[in-house]
Amino acid sequence: MDIVARYAFAYKALTDDDIRLVTILPAPDFNDPIQCSLRHVSLENPPAYEALSYTWGDQSVTKPINLEGETIEVTDNLESALRHLRLPQTMRQLWVDALCINQHNILERNVQLGRMNQIYSKPQRVIVWLGPETYGSTKAITKLLELSR
């Protein structure tokens, strides 16, 4: 099954100026289920949000999250990013392409893709998710930071 097929139902039509933001609900335990909600906001005057840049990864390898009260499947890489970015006591508001764009609505997808420059220029920050920490990744990041100085 297509990765986004299981949650196309959650989408309400966007107005001309709107984008969707996904709110990750807090959880005190890292292993707690991921629970999210969607909201429509104006791109002209959006609330504070962060944009997530990541690779979808293998779409056949999925994990469940809860979106708008329904269990949906997302790629393993996205689930990992959401789990690591979730805060223990505070909601976190993100723009995530796989969740914030109705991938089954070609017109919406094309409009939103055409607005990527705006979407990525408005957040408080853009988070680049390279994946979970692996052996040697701390050394690599440290070296990159040294080289950037």
N, C-alpha and C. Protein backbone atom coordinates (compact mmCIF):
# COMPACT_ATOMS: atom_id res chain seq x y z
N MET A 1 0.84 -1.18 0.00
CA MET A 1 0.00 0.00 0.00
C MET A 1 0.88 1.24 0.00
N ASP A 2 0.50 2.22 -0.78
CA ASP A 2 1.21 3.50 -0.83
C ASP A 2 1.28 4.09 0.58
N ILE A 3 2.43 4.62 0.93
CA ILE A 3 2.66 5.11 2.29
C ILE A 3 1.66 6.17 2.71
N VAL A 4 1.20 7.00 1.80
CA VAL A 4 0.27 8.06 2.19
C VAL A 4 -1.19 7.65 2.01
N ALA A 5 -1.47 6.50 1.42
CA ALA A 5 -2.84 6.09 1.16
C ALA A 5 -3.64 5.94 2.45
N ARG A 6 -2.99 5.55 3.51
CA ARG A 6 -3.69 5.27 4.75
C ARG A 6 -4.10 6.52 5.50
N TYR A 7 -3.63 7.72 5.10
CA TYR A 7 -4.07 8.89 5.84
C TYR A 7 -4.58 10.02 4.97
N ALA A 8 -4.93 9.72 3.74
CA ALA A 8 -5.48 10.75 2.86
C ALA A 8 -6.79 11.31 3.44
N PHE A 9 -7.50 10.48 4.22
CA PHE A 9 -8.78 10.89 4.80
C PHE A 9 -8.66 12.09 5.74
N ALA A 10 -7.52 12.29 6.34
CA ALA A 10 -7.35 13.32 7.36
C ALA A 10 -7.28 14.73 6.78
N TYR A 11 -7.16 14.85 5.48
CA TYR A 11 -6.91 16.15 4.89
C TYR A 11 -8.18 16.91 4.56
N LYS A 12 -8.21 18.16 5.00
CA LYS A 12 -9.25 19.09 4.59
C LYS A 12 -8.60 20.01 3.57
N ALA A 13 -9.38 20.50 2.62
CA ALA A 13 -8.84 21.34 1.54
C ALA A 13 -8.17 22.59 2.10
N LEU A 14 -7.07 22.96 1.49
CA LEU A 14 -6.35 24.18 1.85
C LEU A 14 -6.92 25.36 1.07
N THR A 15 -6.94 26.53 1.70
CA THR A 15 -7.27 27.74 0.95
C THR A 15 -6.00 28.20 0.24
N ASP A 16 -6.12 29.23 -0.58
CA ASP A 16 -4.99 29.68 -1.41
C ASP A 16 -3.73 30.01 -0.62
N ASP A 17 -3.88 30.55 0.58
CA ASP A 17 -2.73 31.02 1.35
C ASP A 17 -2.29 30.04 2.43
N ASP A 18 -3.02 28.95 2.60
CA ASP A 18 -2.77 28.04 3.72
C ASP A 18 -1.70 27.00 3.45
N ILE A 19 -1.09 26.58 4.55
CA ILE A 19 -0.29 25.37 4.60
C ILE A 19 -0.76 24.59 5.83
N ARG A 20 -0.36 23.35 5.92
CA ARG A 20 -0.64 22.57 7.12
C ARG A 20 0.62 22.50 7.96
N LEU A 21 0.45 22.49 9.26
CA LEU A 21 1.54 22.21 10.19
C LEU A 21 1.14 20.99 11.00
N VAL A 22 2.12 20.18 11.31
CA VAL A 22 1.87 19.02 12.16
C VAL A 22 2.39 19.35 13.55
N THR A 23 1.58 19.08 14.55
CA THR A 23 1.98 19.27 15.94
C THR A 23 2.29 17.92 16.54
N ILE A 24 3.52 17.77 17.04
CA ILE A 24 3.90 16.54 17.73
C ILE A 24 3.58 16.76 19.20
N LEU A 25 2.71 15.92 19.74
CA LEU A 25 2.36 16.05 21.15
C LEU A 25 3.49 15.54 22.02
N PRO A 26 3.69 16.15 23.18
CA PRO A 26 4.80 15.75 24.05
C PRO A 26 4.58 14.36 24.64
N ALA A 27 5.68 13.74 25.04
CA ALA A 27 5.63 12.44 25.72
C ALA A 27 6.84 12.35 26.63
N PRO A 28 6.64 11.99 27.88
CA PRO A 28 7.77 11.93 28.81
C PRO A 28 8.74 10.80 28.52
N ASP A 29 8.25 9.75 27.88
CA ASP A 29 9.10 8.59 27.60
C ASP A 29 9.41 8.53 26.11
N PHE A 30 10.67 8.37 25.76
CA PHE A 30 11.11 8.31 24.36
C PHE A 30 10.34 7.25 23.58
N ASN A 31 10.00 6.14 24.22
CA ASN A 31 9.35 5.02 23.53
C ASN A 31 7.84 5.12 23.47
N ASP A 32 7.25 6.16 24.05
CA ASP A 32 5.80 6.34 23.96
C ASP A 32 5.38 6.47 22.50
N PRO A 33 4.15 6.06 22.17
CA PRO A 33 3.67 6.21 20.79
C PRO A 33 3.70 7.68 20.36
N ILE A 34 3.96 7.91 19.09
CA ILE A 34 3.99 9.27 18.55
C ILE A 34 2.57 9.68 18.21
N GLN A 35 2.15 10.83 18.76
CA GLN A 35 0.82 11.35 18.51
C GLN A 35 0.93 12.75 17.93
N CYS A 36 0.22 12.96 16.81
CA CYS A 36 0.31 14.23 16.08
C CYS A 36 -1.08 14.73 15.70
N SER A 37 -1.16 16.02 15.47
CA SER A 37 -2.37 16.61 14.92
C SER A 37 -1.96 17.56 13.80
N LEU A 38 -2.92 17.88 12.94
CA LEU A 38 -2.69 18.80 11.82
C LEU A 38 -3.50 20.07 12.04
N ARG A 39 -2.96 21.20 11.58
CA ARG A 39 -3.74 22.43 11.58
C ARG A 39 -3.39 23.25 10.34
N HIS A 40 -4.35 24.02 9.88
CA HIS A 40 -4.15 24.93 8.75
C HIS A 40 -3.73 26.28 9.29
N VAL A 41 -2.72 26.87 8.65
CA VAL A 41 -2.27 28.21 9.02
C VAL A 41 -1.99 29.01 7.75
N SER A 42 -2.03 30.31 7.88
CA SER A 42 -1.71 31.19 6.75
C SER A 42 -0.20 31.26 6.58
N LEU A 43 0.26 31.08 5.37
CA LEU A 43 1.69 31.19 5.10
C LEU A 43 2.14 32.64 5.14
N GLU A 44 1.22 33.57 4.95
CA GLU A 44 1.56 34.99 5.02
C GLU A 44 1.96 35.41 6.43
N ASN A 45 1.27 34.85 7.42
CA ASN A 45 1.53 35.22 8.81
C ASN A 45 1.45 33.96 9.69
N PRO A 46 2.40 33.03 9.49
CA PRO A 46 2.30 31.76 10.21
C PRO A 46 2.73 31.89 11.67
N PRO A 47 2.25 30.98 12.51
CA PRO A 47 2.78 30.91 13.87
C PRO A 47 4.21 30.37 13.82
N ALA A 48 4.88 30.38 14.95
CA ALA A 48 6.23 29.82 15.00
C ALA A 48 6.18 28.34 14.64
N TYR A 49 7.06 27.94 13.73
CA TYR A 49 7.17 26.53 13.37
C TYR A 49 8.59 26.25 12.92
N GLU A 50 8.89 24.96 12.81
CA GLU A 50 10.17 24.49 12.29
C GLU A 50 9.87 23.64 11.06
N ALA A 51 10.75 23.66 10.09
CA ALA A 51 10.59 22.82 8.91
C ALA A 51 11.58 21.67 8.99
N LEU A 52 11.12 20.49 8.64
CA LEU A 52 11.96 19.30 8.67
C LEU A 52 12.38 18.92 7.26
N SER A 53 13.67 18.82 7.05
CA SER A 53 14.23 18.35 5.79
C SER A 53 14.86 16.99 6.06
N TYR A 54 14.46 15.99 5.31
CA TYR A 54 14.92 14.62 5.54
C TYR A 54 14.71 13.81 4.27
N THR A 55 15.25 12.62 4.24
CA THR A 55 14.96 11.72 3.13
C THR A 55 13.84 10.79 3.55
N TRP A 56 12.94 10.48 2.63
CA TRP A 56 11.84 9.58 2.95
C TRP A 56 12.36 8.20 3.29
N GLY A 57 13.46 7.80 2.66
CA GLY A 57 13.99 6.46 2.89
C GLY A 57 13.17 5.42 2.15
N ASP A 58 13.36 4.18 2.51
CA ASP A 58 12.66 3.05 1.89
C ASP A 58 11.18 3.11 2.27
N GLN A 59 10.31 3.35 1.29
CA GLN A 59 8.88 3.49 1.58
C GLN A 59 8.21 2.17 1.93
N SER A 60 8.92 1.06 1.74
CA SER A 60 8.33 -0.23 2.11
C SER A 60 8.59 -0.57 3.58
N VAL A 61 9.47 0.19 4.23
CA VAL A 61 9.77 -0.03 5.65
C VAL A 61 9.07 1.08 6.43
N THR A 62 8.00 0.71 7.14
CA THR A 62 7.18 1.72 7.82
C THR A 62 7.02 1.42 9.30
N LYS A 63 6.58 2.46 10.00
CA LYS A 63 6.24 2.34 11.42
C LYS A 63 4.98 3.17 11.67
N PRO A 64 4.21 2.79 12.68
CA PRO A 64 2.96 3.52 12.94
C PRO A 64 3.18 4.78 13.77
N ILE A 65 2.36 5.79 13.47
CA ILE A 65 2.21 6.96 14.34
C ILE A 65 0.71 7.23 14.42
N ASN A 66 0.32 8.09 15.34
CA ASN A 66 -1.08 8.47 15.47
C ASN A 66 -1.23 9.88 14.92
N LEU A 67 -2.09 10.03 13.91
CA LEU A 67 -2.36 11.34 13.31
C LEU A 67 -3.86 11.59 13.37
N GLU A 68 -4.24 12.65 14.06
CA GLU A 68 -5.66 13.00 14.18
C GLU A 68 -6.49 11.83 14.73
N GLY A 69 -5.92 11.08 15.66
CA GLY A 69 -6.65 9.99 16.29
C GLY A 69 -6.66 8.69 15.52
N GLU A 70 -6.01 8.65 14.38
CA GLU A 70 -5.96 7.44 13.56
C GLU A 70 -4.52 6.95 13.45
N THR A 71 -4.35 5.64 13.45
CA THR A 71 -3.02 5.06 13.26
C THR A 71 -2.71 5.06 11.77
N ILE A 72 -1.57 5.63 11.42
CA ILE A 72 -1.12 5.65 10.03
C ILE A 72 0.31 5.11 9.98
N GLU A 73 0.74 4.73 8.82
CA GLU A 73 2.10 4.24 8.61
C GLU A 73 2.92 5.34 7.93
N VAL A 74 4.12 5.58 8.45
CA VAL A 74 5.07 6.51 7.84
C VAL A 74 6.38 5.78 7.65
N THR A 75 7.25 6.33 6.84
CA THR A 75 8.54 5.67 6.64
C THR A 75 9.31 5.59 7.95
N ASP A 76 10.13 4.58 8.05
CA ASP A 76 10.96 4.37 9.23
C ASP A 76 11.79 5.62 9.54
N ASN A 77 12.33 6.25 8.51
CA ASN A 77 13.16 7.44 8.71
C ASN A 77 12.36 8.61 9.27
N LEU A 78 11.14 8.81 8.79
CA LEU A 78 10.30 9.89 9.32
C LEU A 78 9.90 9.59 10.77
N GLU A 79 9.53 8.35 11.05
CA GLU A 79 9.16 7.99 12.43
C GLU A 79 10.33 8.25 13.36
N SER A 80 11.52 7.89 12.93
CA SER A 80 12.72 8.11 13.74
C SER A 80 12.95 9.60 13.98
N ALA A 81 12.79 10.41 12.95
CA ALA A 81 12.96 11.86 13.10
C ALA A 81 11.94 12.42 14.08
N LEU A 82 10.67 12.05 13.92
CA LEU A 82 9.63 12.56 14.82
C LEU A 82 9.89 12.13 16.26
N ARG A 83 10.32 10.89 16.45
CA ARG A 83 10.60 10.37 17.79
C ARG A 83 11.75 11.16 18.44
N HIS A 84 12.80 11.40 17.68
CA HIS A 84 13.95 12.12 18.23
C HIS A 84 13.67 13.61 18.43
N LEU A 85 12.78 14.18 17.64
CA LEU A 85 12.48 15.60 17.74
C LEU A 85 11.38 15.91 18.76
N ARG A 86 10.61 14.89 19.13
CA ARG A 86 9.53 15.09 20.10
C ARG A 86 10.11 15.53 21.44
N LEU A 87 9.43 16.48 22.06
CA LEU A 87 9.86 17.01 23.35
C LEU A 87 9.08 16.34 24.48
N PRO A 88 9.67 16.25 25.68
CA PRO A 88 8.98 15.55 26.77
C PRO A 88 7.79 16.30 27.37
N GLN A 89 7.81 17.64 27.33
CA GLN A 89 6.74 18.39 28.00
C GLN A 89 6.10 19.48 27.16
N THR A 90 6.58 19.67 25.95
CA THR A 90 6.10 20.77 25.11
C THR A 90 5.74 20.26 23.72
N MET A 91 4.64 20.80 23.18
CA MET A 91 4.29 20.46 21.80
C MET A 91 5.33 21.06 20.87
N ARG A 92 5.53 20.42 19.73
CA ARG A 92 6.46 20.93 18.73
C ARG A 92 5.72 21.01 17.41
N GLN A 93 5.79 22.17 16.77
CA GLN A 93 5.07 22.41 15.53
C GLN A 93 6.05 22.39 14.36
N LEU A 94 5.78 21.49 13.42
CA LEU A 94 6.68 21.29 12.28
C LEU A 94 5.93 21.36 10.96
N TRP A 95 6.67 21.68 9.92
CA TRP A 95 6.19 21.45 8.57
C TRP A 95 6.99 20.27 8.05
N VAL A 96 6.28 19.21 7.68
CA VAL A 96 6.90 17.97 7.19
C VAL A 96 6.17 17.59 5.91
N ASP A 97 6.88 17.56 4.79
CA ASP A 97 6.21 17.36 3.50
C ASP A 97 5.30 16.14 3.45
N ALA A 98 5.74 15.00 3.94
CA ALA A 98 4.96 13.77 3.83
C ALA A 98 3.65 13.84 4.62
N LEU A 99 3.61 14.66 5.67
CA LEU A 99 2.41 14.78 6.49
C LEU A 99 1.59 16.02 6.17
N CYS A 100 2.24 17.10 5.76
CA CYS A 100 1.56 18.38 5.58
C CYS A 100 1.04 18.61 4.18
N ILE A 101 1.44 17.79 3.24
CA ILE A 101 0.93 17.86 1.86
C ILE A 101 0.13 16.59 1.59
N ASN A 102 -1.08 16.75 1.08
CA ASN A 102 -1.87 15.59 0.67
C ASN A 102 -1.23 15.04 -0.60
N GLN A 103 -0.47 13.99 -0.45
CA GLN A 103 0.29 13.43 -1.57
C GLN A 103 -0.61 12.83 -2.65
N HIS A 104 -1.88 12.58 -2.35
CA HIS A 104 -2.81 12.03 -3.34
C HIS A 104 -3.53 13.09 -4.15
N ASN A 105 -3.45 14.34 -3.72
CA ASN A 105 -4.09 15.43 -4.43
C ASN A 105 -3.01 16.10 -5.28
N ILE A 106 -2.96 15.75 -6.56
CA ILE A 106 -1.88 16.22 -7.43
C ILE A 106 -1.87 17.74 -7.54
N LEU A 107 -3.04 18.36 -7.62
CA LEU A 107 -3.10 19.83 -7.70
C LEU A 107 -2.51 20.45 -6.44
N GLU A 108 -2.95 19.97 -5.27
CA GLU A 108 -2.40 20.50 -4.02
C GLU A 108 -0.90 20.26 -3.93
N ARG A 109 -0.49 19.07 -4.28
CA ARG A 109 0.94 18.74 -4.20
C ARG A 109 1.75 19.68 -5.07
N ASN A 110 1.30 19.93 -6.29
CA ASN A 110 2.03 20.83 -7.19
C ASN A 110 2.06 22.26 -6.67
N VAL A 111 0.94 22.73 -6.13
CA VAL A 111 0.89 24.09 -5.57
C VAL A 111 1.85 24.19 -4.38
N GLN A 112 1.80 23.21 -3.48
CA GLN A 112 2.65 23.25 -2.29
C GLN A 112 4.13 23.11 -2.66
N LEU A 113 4.44 22.28 -3.62
CA LEU A 113 5.83 22.15 -4.05
C LEU A 113 6.34 23.46 -4.65
N GLY A 114 5.46 24.19 -5.33
CA GLY A 114 5.83 25.48 -5.88
C GLY A 114 6.04 26.55 -4.81
N ARG A 115 5.59 26.26 -3.59
CA ARG A 115 5.72 27.21 -2.49
C ARG A 115 6.85 26.83 -1.52
N MET A 116 7.63 25.83 -1.87
CA MET A 116 8.67 25.34 -0.97
C MET A 116 9.63 26.44 -0.54
N ASN A 117 9.97 27.33 -1.44
CA ASN A 117 10.88 28.42 -1.07
C ASN A 117 10.29 29.24 0.07
N GLN A 118 9.01 29.57 -0.03
CA GLN A 118 8.33 30.32 1.04
C GLN A 118 8.24 29.49 2.31
N ILE A 119 7.84 28.22 2.16
CA ILE A 119 7.66 27.35 3.32
C ILE A 119 8.96 27.20 4.10
N TYR A 120 10.08 27.06 3.39
CA TYR A 120 11.37 26.89 4.06
C TYR A 120 12.01 28.22 4.47
N SER A 121 11.45 29.35 4.04
CA SER A 121 12.03 30.64 4.45
C SER A 121 11.32 31.25 5.66
N LYS A 122 10.18 30.71 6.05
CA LYS A 122 9.39 31.29 7.14
C LYS A 122 9.61 30.67 8.52
N PRO A 123 10.11 29.46 8.64
CA PRO A 123 10.21 28.86 9.98
C PRO A 123 11.28 29.50 10.85
N GLN A 124 11.18 29.23 12.15
CA GLN A 124 12.21 29.66 13.09
C GLN A 124 13.54 29.02 12.73
N ARG A 125 13.46 27.77 12.30
CA ARG A 125 14.67 27.06 11.87
C ARG A 125 14.26 25.91 10.96
N VAL A 126 15.23 25.47 10.18
CA VAL A 126 15.07 24.27 9.36
C VAL A 126 15.93 23.19 9.99
N ILE A 127 15.32 22.07 10.27
CA ILE A 127 16.02 20.93 10.87
C ILE A 127 16.35 19.95 9.76
N VAL A 128 17.61 19.57 9.66
CA VAL A 128 18.03 18.57 8.67
C VAL A 128 18.24 17.27 9.43
N TRP A 129 17.44 16.27 9.11
CA TRP A 129 17.53 14.97 9.77
C TRP A 129 18.32 14.02 8.87
N LEU A 130 19.48 13.62 9.36
CA LEU A 130 20.34 12.70 8.61
C LEU A 130 20.14 11.25 9.04
N GLY A 131 19.38 11.05 10.09
CA GLY A 131 19.13 9.71 10.61
C GLY A 131 19.65 9.61 12.02
N PRO A 132 19.33 8.50 12.68
CA PRO A 132 19.79 8.32 14.05
C PRO A 132 21.31 8.19 14.11
N GLU A 133 21.84 8.46 15.28
CA GLU A 133 23.28 8.38 15.49
C GLU A 133 23.77 6.97 15.22
N THR A 134 24.90 6.88 14.55
CA THR A 134 25.54 5.59 14.29
C THR A 134 26.98 5.66 14.76
N TYR A 135 27.64 4.54 14.75
CA TYR A 135 29.04 4.49 15.16
C TYR A 135 29.85 5.46 14.30
N GLY A 136 30.57 6.35 14.93
CA GLY A 136 31.43 7.29 14.22
C GLY A 136 30.75 8.58 13.81
N SER A 137 29.43 8.67 13.94
CA SER A 137 28.75 9.89 13.48
C SER A 137 29.11 11.09 14.35
N THR A 138 29.32 10.89 15.64
CA THR A 138 29.71 12.01 16.51
C THR A 138 31.05 12.57 16.08
N LYS A 139 31.99 11.69 15.74
CA LYS A 139 33.30 12.15 15.27
C LYS A 139 33.15 12.93 13.96
N ALA A 140 32.31 12.44 13.08
CA ALA A 140 32.12 13.10 11.79
C ALA A 140 31.52 14.50 11.97
N ILE A 141 30.52 14.63 12.83
CA ILE A 141 29.91 15.93 13.08
C ILE A 141 30.91 16.88 13.73
N THR A 142 31.68 16.38 14.68
CA THR A 142 32.71 17.19 15.33
C THR A 142 33.71 17.71 14.30
N LYS A 143 34.13 16.85 13.40
CA LYS A 143 35.08 17.25 12.36
C LYS A 143 34.47 18.31 11.44
N LEU A 144 33.21 18.12 11.05
CA LEU A 144 32.54 19.11 10.21
C LEU A 144 32.46 20.47 10.91
N LEU A 145 32.16 20.45 12.20
CA LEU A 145 32.11 21.71 12.95
C LEU A 145 33.48 22.38 13.00
N GLU A 146 34.53 21.58 13.18
CA GLU A 146 35.89 22.13 13.18
C GLU A 146 36.23 22.75 11.83
N LEU A 147 35.87 22.08 10.75
CA LEU A 147 36.16 22.58 9.41
C LEU A 147 35.38 23.85 9.08
N SER A 148 34.23 24.01 9.71
CA SER A 148 33.41 25.19 9.41
C SER A 148 33.91 26.45 10.09
N ARG A 149 34.84 26.31 11.03
CA ARG A 149 35.35 27.49 11.76
C ARG A 149 36.46 28.16 11.02
